[in-house]
Every structure is written in structure tokens, then in C-alpha cells.
Protein backbone atom coordinates (compact mmCIF):
# COMPACT_ATOMS: atom_id res chain seq x y z
CA MET A 1 -142.23 214.85 23.85
CA VAL A 2 -142.43 212.03 21.33
CA LEU A 3 -139.47 212.46 19.05
CA GLY A 4 -140.10 212.84 15.37
CA GLU A 5 -143.59 214.26 15.60
CA ASN A 6 -142.50 217.82 14.96
CA GLY A 7 -140.33 218.81 12.05
CA PRO A 8 -136.81 220.02 12.71
CA LYS A 9 -136.37 223.68 13.37
CA ASP A 10 -134.60 225.82 10.77
CA SER A 11 -131.43 227.12 12.39
CA GLY A 12 -130.37 229.41 9.59
CA ARG A 13 -129.09 226.57 7.41
CA GLY A 14 -130.50 227.86 4.15
CA GLY A 15 -128.52 227.59 0.93
CA PRO A 16 -126.04 224.89 -0.15
CA LEU A 17 -123.32 226.16 2.19
CA GLY A 18 -125.78 226.01 5.07
CA TRP A 19 -126.69 222.45 4.11
CA PHE A 20 -123.07 221.32 4.34
CA ARG A 21 -122.68 223.29 7.57
CA GLU A 22 -125.53 221.21 8.97
CA LEU A 23 -123.74 218.07 7.80
CA GLY A 24 -120.60 219.29 9.54
CA GLN A 25 -122.53 219.76 12.78
CA LEU A 26 -123.90 216.24 12.39
CA LEU A 27 -120.44 214.75 11.85
CA GLY A 28 -119.06 216.73 14.79
CA GLY A 29 -121.75 215.41 17.15
CA ASP A 30 -123.33 218.80 17.89
CA LEU A 31 -126.76 217.59 16.74
CA THR A 32 -126.60 214.10 18.25
CA ALA A 33 -125.48 214.85 21.81
CA MET A 34 -127.93 213.57 24.42
CA SER A 35 -128.66 217.09 25.63
CA ALA A 36 -129.48 218.27 22.10
CA ILE A 37 -131.72 215.27 21.40
CA ARG A 38 -133.59 215.74 24.69
CA ARG A 39 -134.11 219.41 23.88
CA GLN A 40 -135.23 219.28 20.24
CA GLY A 41 -134.94 215.74 18.93
CA LEU A 42 -132.71 214.98 15.95
CA ASP A 43 -132.84 218.51 14.55
CA VAL A 44 -131.92 217.83 10.93
CA SER A 45 -133.71 218.27 7.64
CA PRO A 46 -133.92 215.03 5.61
CA TRP A 47 -134.20 217.11 2.43
CA ARG A 48 -131.05 219.14 3.07
CA LEU A 49 -129.09 216.10 4.17
CA SER A 50 -130.34 214.14 1.17
CA ALA A 51 -129.12 216.90 -1.14
CA CYS A 52 -125.69 216.77 0.53
CA SER A 53 -125.65 212.97 0.37
CA ILE A 54 -126.51 212.92 -3.33
CA VAL A 55 -123.72 215.39 -4.14
CA LEU A 56 -121.19 213.41 -2.07
CA ALA A 57 -122.30 210.08 -3.55
CA MET A 58 -122.05 211.51 -7.07
CA PHE A 59 -118.51 212.69 -6.30
CA TYR A 60 -117.56 209.19 -5.20
CA GLY A 61 -119.23 207.77 -8.31
CA LEU A 62 -117.07 210.11 -10.38
CA CYS A 63 -113.93 208.83 -8.65
CA MET A 64 -115.08 205.23 -9.04
CA GLY A 65 -115.85 205.62 -12.73
CA MET A 66 -112.44 207.13 -13.53
CA PHE A 67 -111.10 203.61 -14.01
CA ALA A 68 -113.11 203.52 -17.24
CA LEU A 69 -111.02 206.47 -18.50
CA PHE A 70 -107.54 205.47 -17.36
CA GLY A 71 -107.66 201.73 -16.72
CA THR A 72 -108.84 200.61 -20.16
CA LYS A 73 -107.44 200.83 -23.67
CA GLU A 74 -110.54 202.62 -24.92
CA PRO A 75 -111.75 205.40 -22.55
CA ARG A 76 -115.47 205.24 -21.77
CA PRO A 77 -116.61 208.62 -20.44
CA MET A 78 -120.23 207.45 -20.21
CA GLN A 79 -119.20 205.18 -17.37
CA LEU A 80 -118.44 208.30 -15.33
CA VAL A 81 -122.00 209.52 -15.86
CA ALA A 82 -123.48 206.11 -15.08
CA SER A 83 -121.50 205.75 -11.83
CA MET A 84 -122.40 209.27 -10.69
CA VAL A 85 -126.09 208.48 -11.18
CA LYS A 86 -126.10 204.98 -9.71
CA VAL A 87 -124.13 205.42 -6.47
CA PRO A 88 -126.85 207.67 -4.92
CA LEU A 89 -129.49 205.26 -6.23
CA VAL A 90 -127.93 202.37 -4.30
CA PHE A 91 -128.43 204.18 -1.00
CA TYR A 92 -131.88 205.59 -1.54
CA LEU A 93 -133.42 202.58 -3.25
CA THR A 94 -132.11 200.42 -0.39
CA LEU A 95 -133.59 202.89 2.10
CA LEU A 96 -136.94 202.75 0.29
CA VAL A 97 -137.00 198.95 0.45
CA THR A 98 -135.94 198.58 4.10
CA LEU A 99 -137.51 201.62 5.83
CA PRO A 100 -140.95 200.04 6.52
CA SER A 101 -139.38 197.04 8.26
CA LEU A 102 -137.32 199.19 10.66
CA TYR A 103 -140.30 201.34 11.60
CA VAL A 104 -142.57 198.34 12.22
CA PHE A 105 -139.89 196.46 14.19
CA ASN A 106 -139.27 199.48 16.40
CA ALA A 107 -142.98 199.90 17.05
CA LEU A 108 -143.30 196.22 18.02
CA VAL A 109 -140.58 196.46 20.68
CA GLY A 110 -142.10 199.55 22.28
CA SER A 111 -140.04 202.37 20.77
CA ARG A 112 -141.87 205.70 20.61
CA LEU A 113 -139.98 207.00 17.60
CA SER A 114 -142.31 208.27 14.92
CA LEU A 115 -141.96 207.51 11.22
CA GLY A 116 -140.57 211.00 10.68
CA GLY A 117 -137.97 210.45 13.40
CA VAL A 118 -136.89 207.14 11.86
CA VAL A 119 -136.62 208.75 8.40
CA ARG A 120 -134.46 211.58 9.73
CA LEU A 121 -132.22 209.12 11.53
CA LEU A 122 -131.71 206.92 8.46
CA VAL A 123 -131.10 209.88 6.15
CA ALA A 124 -128.56 211.20 8.66
CA SER A 125 -126.85 207.78 8.67
CA ILE A 126 -126.67 207.83 4.88
CA ALA A 127 -125.18 211.33 5.08
CA VAL A 128 -122.45 210.07 7.40
CA ASN A 129 -121.85 207.10 5.10
CA THR A 130 -121.56 209.21 1.94
CA ALA A 131 -119.36 211.77 3.71
CA VAL A 132 -116.86 209.02 4.53
CA LEU A 133 -117.12 207.70 0.97
CA ALA A 134 -116.45 211.13 -0.51
CA SER A 135 -113.46 211.65 1.79
CA LEU A 136 -111.97 208.42 0.42
CA GLY A 137 -112.91 209.24 -3.18
CA PRO A 138 -109.56 210.87 -4.09
CA ILE A 139 -107.78 207.66 -3.00
CA VAL A 140 -110.05 205.65 -5.29
CA ALA A 141 -109.36 208.10 -8.13
CA PHE A 142 -105.61 207.78 -7.52
CA PHE A 143 -105.69 203.99 -7.84
CA SER A 144 -108.01 204.26 -10.84
CA VAL A 145 -105.28 206.21 -12.61
CA CYS A 146 -102.38 204.04 -11.39
CA THR A 147 -103.65 200.51 -12.05
CA THR A 148 -105.15 198.50 -14.88
CA SER A 149 -106.28 195.61 -12.67
CA TYR A 150 -110.05 195.39 -12.85
CA PRO A 151 -110.36 192.73 -10.06
CA PHE A 152 -108.26 194.93 -7.76
CA MET A 153 -110.51 197.94 -8.34
CA LEU A 154 -113.61 195.85 -7.66
CA VAL A 155 -112.27 194.51 -4.35
CA PHE A 156 -110.85 197.91 -3.40
CA ASN A 157 -114.20 199.65 -3.90
CA VAL A 158 -116.00 196.95 -1.91
CA ALA A 159 -113.52 197.56 0.92
CA ILE A 160 -114.12 201.33 0.74
CA PHE A 161 -117.88 200.82 0.95
CA ALA A 162 -117.36 198.50 3.93
CA VAL A 163 -115.31 201.13 5.78
CA ALA A 164 -117.89 203.84 5.08
CA GLY A 165 -120.68 201.46 6.09
CA PHE A 166 -118.96 200.78 9.42
CA PHE A 167 -119.06 204.48 10.33
CA GLY A 168 -122.67 204.78 9.13
CA VAL A 169 -123.71 201.78 11.25
CA ARG A 170 -121.84 203.13 14.29
CA PHE A 171 -123.64 206.46 13.96
CA LEU A 172 -127.01 204.74 13.52
CA LEU A 173 -126.66 202.56 16.62
CA GLN A 174 -125.48 205.37 18.87
CA THR A 175 -128.06 207.88 17.74
CA MET A 176 -130.95 205.40 17.76
CA GLN A 177 -130.05 204.50 21.35
CA ARG A 178 -130.04 208.16 22.40
CA MET A 179 -133.30 208.92 20.62
CA THR A 180 -135.00 205.92 22.20
CA LEU A 181 -133.84 206.87 25.71
CA ALA A 182 -134.82 210.50 25.21
CA SER A 183 -138.30 209.56 23.99
CA THR A 184 -139.04 207.12 26.83
CA THR A 185 -137.27 208.62 29.85
CA PRO A 186 -139.57 210.71 32.08
CA PRO A 187 -138.42 214.12 33.27
CA PRO A 188 -136.21 214.05 36.37
CA ALA A 189 -137.76 214.47 39.77
CA VAL A 190 -138.17 218.03 40.96
CA PRO A 191 -136.43 218.66 44.31
CA GLY A 192 -138.95 218.82 47.11
CA GLU A 193 -141.84 217.40 45.08
CA TRP A 194 -142.50 214.75 47.75
CA GLU A 195 -142.37 217.10 50.71
CA GLY A 196 -146.14 217.24 51.09
CA ASP A 197 -146.62 213.52 50.52
CA SER A 198 -146.82 210.83 53.12
CA GLU A 199 -144.01 208.31 53.42
CA ALA A 200 -146.19 205.65 51.83
CA GLU A 201 -147.01 207.90 48.86
CA ALA A 202 -143.35 208.78 48.40
CA ALA A 203 -142.39 205.09 48.49
CA ARG A 204 -145.00 204.25 45.86
CA THR A 205 -143.73 207.05 43.63
CA GLU A 206 -140.13 205.89 44.01
CA THR A 207 -141.17 202.31 43.22
CA ALA A 208 -142.96 203.52 40.10
CA ARG A 209 -139.87 205.43 38.97
CA THR A 210 -137.67 202.37 39.53
CA GLY A 211 -140.05 200.16 37.54
CA ASN A 212 -140.19 202.74 34.78
CA ALA A 213 -136.39 202.84 34.60
CA ALA A 214 -136.30 199.05 34.24
CA ARG A 215 -138.90 199.22 31.47
CA ILE A 216 -136.92 201.91 29.66
CA GLN A 217 -133.77 199.80 29.85
CA ALA A 218 -135.66 196.80 28.45
CA VAL A 219 -137.02 198.86 25.56
CA ALA A 220 -133.55 200.24 24.79
CA THR A 221 -132.10 196.71 24.77
CA ASN A 222 -134.84 195.45 22.44
CA VAL A 223 -134.40 198.41 20.11
CA ARG A 224 -130.66 197.83 19.98
CA MET A 225 -131.20 194.18 19.06
CA VAL A 226 -133.76 195.08 16.37
CA VAL A 227 -131.50 197.72 14.85
CA ARG A 228 -128.60 195.27 14.66
CA LEU A 229 -130.77 192.73 12.87
CA TRP A 230 -132.07 195.43 10.54
CA ILE A 231 -128.52 196.57 9.75
CA ILE A 232 -127.79 193.05 8.48
CA VAL A 233 -130.90 193.23 6.29
CA PHE A 234 -129.92 196.70 5.05
CA GLY A 235 -126.41 195.50 4.21
CA LEU A 236 -127.66 192.46 2.31
CA VAL A 237 -130.22 194.49 0.37
CA GLY A 238 -127.69 197.24 -0.33
CA ALA A 239 -125.08 194.77 -1.59
CA GLN A 240 -127.55 193.09 -3.91
CA MET A 241 -128.92 196.47 -5.02
CA GLY A 242 -125.41 197.44 -6.08
CA TRP A 243 -125.12 194.18 -7.98
CA VAL A 244 -128.41 194.80 -9.79
CA LEU A 245 -127.35 198.34 -10.76
CA ARG A 246 -123.85 197.35 -11.95
CA PRO A 247 -121.50 198.21 -13.65
CA PHE A 248 -119.91 200.96 -11.56
CA VAL A 249 -116.22 200.53 -12.32
CA GLY A 250 -116.47 199.40 -15.93
CA ASN A 251 -115.12 196.06 -17.13
CA PRO A 252 -112.36 196.70 -19.71
CA ASN A 253 -113.24 193.43 -21.45
CA ALA A 254 -116.91 194.28 -21.95
CA PRO A 255 -118.61 197.12 -23.84
CA PHE A 256 -120.22 199.95 -21.91
CA THR A 257 -123.79 199.39 -20.86
CA TRP A 258 -125.99 200.99 -18.25
CA PHE A 259 -126.96 197.64 -16.74
CA ARG A 260 -125.61 194.10 -16.97
CA PRO A 261 -127.82 191.01 -17.34
CA ARG A 262 -129.08 189.61 -14.04
CA GLU A 263 -126.89 186.69 -13.08
CA SER A 264 -125.13 185.28 -10.04
CA ASN A 265 -125.11 187.62 -6.99
CA PHE A 266 -122.93 190.14 -5.21
CA PHE A 267 -121.12 187.68 -2.94
CA GLN A 268 -120.22 185.27 -5.74
CA ALA A 269 -118.90 188.20 -7.76
CA VAL A 270 -116.68 189.35 -4.86
CA MET A 271 -115.29 185.84 -4.37
CA LYS A 272 -114.61 185.59 -8.10
CA ALA A 273 -112.82 188.95 -8.08
CA LEU A 274 -110.73 187.86 -5.07
CA SER A 275 -109.73 184.61 -6.77
CA GLN A 276 -108.75 186.50 -9.95
CA LEU A 277 -106.80 189.05 -7.93
CA PHE A 278 -104.68 186.49 -6.07
CA SER A 279 -104.35 183.89 -8.83
């Protein structure tokens, strides 16, 4: 079976509680075990997981924007709304920009994953990422209440996103590897299937299986390399996307606005925040 061609089966996951139950199964590894992927592919719904991811990202945006209420002299409640809207946008706009490149790269190196399979995998990775973000949200809210240092909150939130991104990347690499192997590995030999064959025929069959195993290993290696390169692209695009959609925390020395003028870039801003924090 070519993974991703058929939609995931509905396993009684209807309703919001069912959606988060599906996310729990994903986080626990029940849906990404090799046996499960061989049996039914990555059996998740991108729509249900996207709904969960948006809710979790909005929760983190709420925690991130709380600095605008407690870390400034004049509370800015609109910053809460802006952060709740823009955190999900960072993930899904980045996905929209980078999805075609991952699909084309995978096709070029011989992966049999369909576009639907790649979409489900990436949405699942975002779900893992936002789940980690949301779990760390209360810590961000705590520091938002306890500090008035704007550079510290900027650097702290960048560090939180880096931690969540690490777990998302780890999930993506592992699951992509399993999906690639499951989609290219032939079924195991049936005991006794060579009994009626001549020795020469059996030898040719064994040689073919050995060559096929080597080809599968080569494809898996190429896919792993491509995914690692794509992760770098995704991270760069995501970082700059966040910079374009700023502010998220809310600068106490600047009035509230939905978007800042386009200047500099994400990496220069982080270095500037670091220098202000330690100066």
C-alpha cells in the first residue's frame, strides 16, 4: 500500500474531546508505532489535529501576551488578542510556504509518500510542537507577571519555541523514517514459498530481495537527508514569519499595533535583545 493515498479511518474520535484524545494517542506513540503505520498508515485527521493545534497555539499566545497586561505601565489587552491570533498563523503560514518543497524533494529521492501523507505528517508535527508550547505556557505566563524586562521575555519566548521545535523535529524525523520504510518495504517472505522452485530460481529471488533491501535503505537515507535540510528551511522561514507578524509580547516603550514596520530580521532582533539583556 502506498501511504497517504487513502484517508485516515475514523476511530470514534468525533467531538472536541475525541480530537484531543487523538492528539494524546499521537503524543503517546500509539499512532506512530511501526506496526500501526504498516497496518493503516499515519491514521490521523489533519483537520482534527489542526483544530487542536490552533487551540493550543492560541493558549500559548494568551500566555505570551500577558506581558502586555502586567509588564507595562499601561495594560494593553488588545495585545492578548493579537498574540492569540498570530501564534497559530506563524505555524500554518510557514507550512503553506514550505510544504511544496518537502513533497517535491521527497519525490525526487524516491519516496512513495503521497501529498496527503506528507500533509498529515506535517500537521501531526505541528500538533506535537504546539502541545509542547501549551504545556510550557503557564511558565511563560508566570514570568510575564513577575518581570518587567522586555528583552528577557523576548529571549525567553525564543528559547521556549526552540524547545518545542526540537520535539516537533524529533517527531518529524522518526515518523517520516517509519512511513518511508513502511511504504517501500515489500511484505515478508511466506514460509515455504520457494519449496516448489528450483535452487536457481530460489537464489534469484533471494538476490532480488537483497537488492531491494539495499535500495530501500538508500531511499531511507536520502529521505532522512532531505528532511533534515527541509527542517532548516522550515526553521528559517518560521523565524522570519514570526518577525514579519510581530509584535507578540508587546514592547512597553511602543504603542500597540497589529504589525510593526518591516525592518532588520529575526536574528538581528534576537542578538539585540541578548545584548540589552546582559548589558
